[in-house]
Structures are given as structure tokens and as C-alpha cells.
């Protein structure tokens, strides 16, 4: 970690990137309830008419910005879309996207799940009781010690492999229980 660079989060993460879906278009919608606590993969989607909402693509991380969803661990990585497809969901999502040639999407996802990141996000919440929201500027300005892109890819790959083994074991246990 001696050669890791200390930077602000918005230097490696694109927050709420601009995407376009025409109003009235039928598109995939991912509701907050489709994010399982502390689970990388999103459990499903519905097709709905786009009127408004946060827009995202495969590879993006969805971070719940409202209480109690954030505290409950609702943070997932989008992987259920077709190539170049744009979907939408709750306005209570913060979308985090890796910056090309600067950061790795898996690394960004696992960073967002880290106790360090979650504590900063939770402590930044403001608003009335029961409706508190993360302050996006606090996240953007958070100082991070970041490894090289190659190290980010290796870290992301290892953590993704562990998640995949956990999911496989869960499926085996479910099958054995049935």
C-alpha cells in the first residue's frame, strides 16, 4: 500500500453519469426492493414505462442513498442488462461508475461495500428522521488511498471470485434443502 495514491473519490468514480431514456419508452426498471442486503447481484427487474428515475448501465454500482436502505446494506452491481442497454430505477439510488482506464468496476463495487465507505456515507446523512439521505458531495470529496488500475483489477477479481463461491454454495444448500 506504500505506492497507493491518495485522491478524492470523484477522481476515480463517475457519480450519477448522464444517460438517456426517452419518456414513454418501455425499459427495464430496477426497484429498491430488488437490491438484497449485502448482495452483489440484483434479483430481478420489471419492464415499465420510463417517466423519471435514476439511469444506469451494466457495470455500474447502485448505492441506496436513503435511510434505512443504506444502513441495511442495499448496494449492488448492475449485471442483468443487455450490452449498451440503459435501465432506470429509484431516484434514491446513487450510481457509481468506474472511469475508463482509471478505475475498475468491480473495485468500485467492493469499495462501496467497505466499512470505511459505508461509515462515511451513513454519517453524511441529513434530513428529517426516517427520510435522511446521503450527501453526494461528501462522497465525491472523500479521500481514498487507491492502488494502480492493475491492482484494482486483481483485488476486484479476487473479491468477485469469493462472492461467486458464496453464491454457488448458497444454491447448493438450497438444492439440498429442497
Protein backbone atom coordinates (compact mmCIF):
# COMPACT_ATOMS: atom_id res chain seq x y z
CA UNK A 1 0.00 0.00 0.00
CA UNK A 2 3.04 2.26 0.13
CA UNK A 3 2.66 3.14 -3.54
CA UNK A 4 -1.09 3.79 -3.39
CA UNK A 5 -2.16 7.30 -4.32
CA UNK A 6 -4.42 9.42 -2.08
CA UNK A 7 -7.11 11.12 -4.15
CA UNK A 8 -10.71 12.31 -3.94
CA UNK A 9 -13.34 9.71 -4.84
CA UNK A 10 -14.64 11.67 -7.81
CA UNK A 11 -11.24 11.29 -9.46
CA UNK A 12 -11.86 7.55 -9.93
CA UNK A 13 -15.67 7.36 -9.73
CA UNK A 14 -18.20 8.95 -12.03
CA UNK A 15 -21.20 9.70 -9.84
CA UNK A 16 -24.67 9.66 -11.41
CA UNK A 17 -23.40 9.60 -15.01
CA UNK A 18 -25.67 11.07 -17.64
CA UNK A 19 -27.70 8.51 -19.59
CA UNK A 20 -30.76 8.95 -21.77
CA UNK A 21 -34.09 7.14 -21.96
CA UNK A 22 -36.91 8.88 -23.80
CA UNK A 23 -40.03 9.47 -21.69
CA UNK A 24 -42.66 6.89 -22.51
CA UNK A 25 -40.11 4.23 -23.53
CA UNK A 26 -40.63 0.76 -22.07
CA UNK A 27 -37.37 -0.14 -20.31
CA UNK A 28 -36.06 -2.34 -17.54
CA UNK A 29 -36.75 -0.89 -14.11
CA UNK A 30 -34.88 -2.00 -11.01
CA UNK A 31 -36.79 -1.13 -7.86
CA UNK A 32 -35.12 -0.68 -4.47
CA UNK A 33 -36.62 -3.96 -3.25
CA UNK A 34 -34.63 -5.83 -5.95
CA UNK A 35 -31.41 -4.98 -4.08
CA UNK A 36 -30.83 -7.61 -1.43
CA UNK A 37 -28.81 -6.53 1.63
CA UNK A 38 -25.07 -7.10 1.19
CA UNK A 39 -25.61 -8.96 -2.09
CA UNK A 40 -23.74 -8.08 -5.26
CA UNK A 41 -26.24 -9.37 -7.81
CA UNK A 42 -29.64 -7.79 -8.40
CA UNK A 43 -32.51 -10.25 -8.05
CA UNK A 44 -34.59 -9.02 -10.98
CA UNK A 45 -36.33 -6.23 -12.83
CA UNK A 46 -39.65 -5.31 -14.36
CA UNK A 47 -40.49 -3.70 -17.67
CA UNK A 48 -42.07 -0.30 -17.14
CA UNK A 49 -42.72 2.95 -18.90
CA UNK A 50 -39.96 5.45 -18.19
CA UNK A 51 -41.30 8.64 -16.65
CA UNK A 52 -38.41 9.53 -14.36
CA UNK A 53 -35.72 7.92 -12.27
CA UNK A 54 -32.02 7.26 -11.99
CA UNK A 55 -30.48 5.75 -15.15
CA UNK A 56 -27.61 3.27 -15.33
CA UNK A 57 -25.81 0.55 -17.36
CA UNK A 58 -24.15 -2.80 -16.72
CA UNK A 59 -21.05 -2.40 -14.57
CA UNK A 60 -22.50 0.46 -12.54
CA UNK A 61 -22.89 0.18 -8.77
CA UNK A 62 -26.22 1.18 -7.25
CA UNK A 63 -25.89 2.57 -3.73
CA UNK A 64 -29.07 3.25 -1.75
CA UNK A 65 -28.89 6.84 -0.54
CA UNK A 66 -31.85 6.85 1.83
CA UNK A 67 -32.33 5.55 5.35
CA UNK A 68 -32.80 2.70 6.28
CA UNK A 69 -31.88 1.12 2.92
CA UNK A 70 -28.22 2.20 3.06
CA UNK A 71 -27.79 1.04 6.65
CA UNK A 72 -29.38 -2.28 5.66
CA UNK A 73 -26.69 -2.82 3.01
CA UNK A 74 -28.61 -2.19 -0.21
CA UNK A 75 -25.70 -1.82 -2.61
CA UNK A 76 -25.49 -3.91 -5.78
CA UNK A 77 -23.72 -4.12 -9.11
CA UNK A 78 -25.74 -3.96 -12.32
CA UNK A 79 -25.09 -7.06 -14.46
CA UNK A 80 -28.57 -8.02 -15.73
CA UNK A 81 -28.82 -5.72 -18.75
CA UNK A 82 -28.03 -6.30 -22.40
CA UNK A 83 -24.92 -4.73 -23.91
CA UNK A 84 -25.25 -0.91 -24.10
CA UNK A 85 -28.77 -1.12 -22.60
CA UNK A 86 -29.81 1.67 -20.25
CA UNK A 87 -32.22 0.88 -17.42
CA UNK A 88 -33.74 3.00 -14.69
CA UNK A 89 -34.72 2.76 -11.07
CA UNK A 90 -35.35 4.61 -7.87
CA UNK A 91 -34.31 8.24 -7.55
CA UNK A 92 -32.95 7.06 -4.19
CA UNK A 93 -30.01 5.34 -5.91
CA UNK A 94 -26.58 6.90 -6.24
CA UNK A 95 -24.99 5.47 -9.39
CA UNK A 96 -21.24 4.90 -9.20
CA UNK A 97 -19.37 4.15 -12.43
CA UNK A 98 -15.71 3.31 -12.90
CA UNK A 99 -13.77 5.78 -15.04
CA UNK A 100 -12.31 4.12 -18.11
CA UNK A 101 -8.55 3.48 -17.89
CA UNK A 102 -8.55 4.88 -14.34
CA UNK A 103 -10.63 2.53 -12.20
CA UNK A 104 -12.13 -0.97 -12.23
CA UNK A 105 -15.89 -1.55 -11.91
CA UNK A 106 -15.51 -4.49 -9.51
CA UNK A 107 -13.09 -2.49 -7.36
CA UNK A 108 -15.61 0.39 -7.23
CA UNK A 109 -18.38 -2.01 -6.20
CA UNK A 110 -16.33 -3.57 -3.39
CA UNK A 111 -15.11 -0.13 -2.28
CA UNK A 112 -18.76 0.92 -1.93
CA UNK A 113 -19.36 -2.10 0.31
CA UNK A 114 -16.37 -1.40 2.56
CA UNK A 115 -16.98 -0.37 6.16
CA UNK A 116 -14.89 2.77 5.51
CA UNK A 117 -17.12 3.96 2.64
CA UNK A 118 -20.38 2.93 4.33
CA UNK A 119 -19.47 4.76 7.54
CA UNK A 120 -18.74 7.98 5.65
CA UNK A 121 -22.00 7.69 3.69
CA UNK A 122 -24.09 6.94 6.79
CA UNK A 123 -22.51 9.74 8.84
CA UNK A 124 -23.17 12.22 5.99
CA UNK A 125 -26.93 11.64 6.02
CA UNK A 126 -29.15 14.67 6.54
CA UNK A 127 -32.89 15.28 6.56
CA UNK A 128 -35.86 14.56 8.72
CA UNK A 129 -35.96 11.41 10.80
CA UNK A 130 -36.78 8.36 8.71
CA UNK A 131 -36.12 10.22 5.43
CA UNK A 132 -32.43 11.00 5.71
CA UNK A 133 -30.28 10.94 2.59
CA UNK A 134 -26.57 10.69 1.85
CA UNK A 135 -24.90 13.96 0.86
CA UNK A 136 -23.39 13.23 -2.55
CA UNK A 137 -20.76 15.97 -2.20
CA UNK A 138 -19.39 14.27 0.90
CA UNK A 139 -18.88 11.04 -1.08
CA UNK A 140 -17.35 12.86 -4.05
CA UNK A 141 -14.81 14.59 -1.79
CA UNK A 142 -13.94 11.53 0.31
CA UNK A 143 -10.18 10.93 0.37
CA UNK A 144 -9.19 7.43 -0.70
CA UNK A 145 -5.90 5.56 -0.94
CA UNK A 146 -6.12 3.89 -4.33
CA UNK A 147 -3.89 1.23 -5.91
CA UNK A 148 -2.92 1.17 -9.57
CA UNK A 149 -5.53 0.08 -12.10
CA UNK A 150 -3.85 -3.32 -12.40
CA UNK A 151 -4.01 -3.84 -8.61
CA UNK A 152 -7.65 -2.68 -8.59
CA UNK A 153 -8.44 -5.33 -11.21
CA UNK A 154 -6.69 -8.04 -9.18
CA UNK A 155 -8.47 -7.02 -5.95
CA UNK A 156 -11.84 -6.89 -7.74
CA UNK A 157 -11.21 -10.28 -9.37
CA UNK A 158 -10.37 -11.95 -6.04
CA UNK A 159 -13.39 -10.49 -4.24
CA UNK A 160 -15.72 -11.33 -7.16
CA UNK A 161 -14.42 -14.92 -7.07
CA UNK A 162 -15.23 -15.18 -3.36
CA UNK A 163 -18.74 -13.78 -3.96
CA UNK A 164 -19.29 -16.30 -6.76
CA UNK A 165 -18.22 -19.18 -4.48
CA UNK A 166 -20.58 -17.95 -1.74
CA UNK A 167 -23.46 -17.74 -4.25
CA UNK A 168 -22.68 -21.21 -5.60
CA UNK A 169 -22.66 -22.64 -2.06
CA UNK A 170 -25.98 -20.92 -1.34
CA UNK A 171 -27.51 -22.53 -4.44
CA UNK A 172 -26.15 -25.95 -3.46
CA UNK A 173 -27.56 -25.59 0.06
CA UNK A 174 -30.92 -24.51 -1.34
CA UNK A 175 -30.96 -27.50 -3.71
CA UNK A 176 -30.00 -29.91 -0.91
CA UNK A 177 -32.69 -28.47 1.37
CA UNK A 178 -35.31 -28.97 -1.38
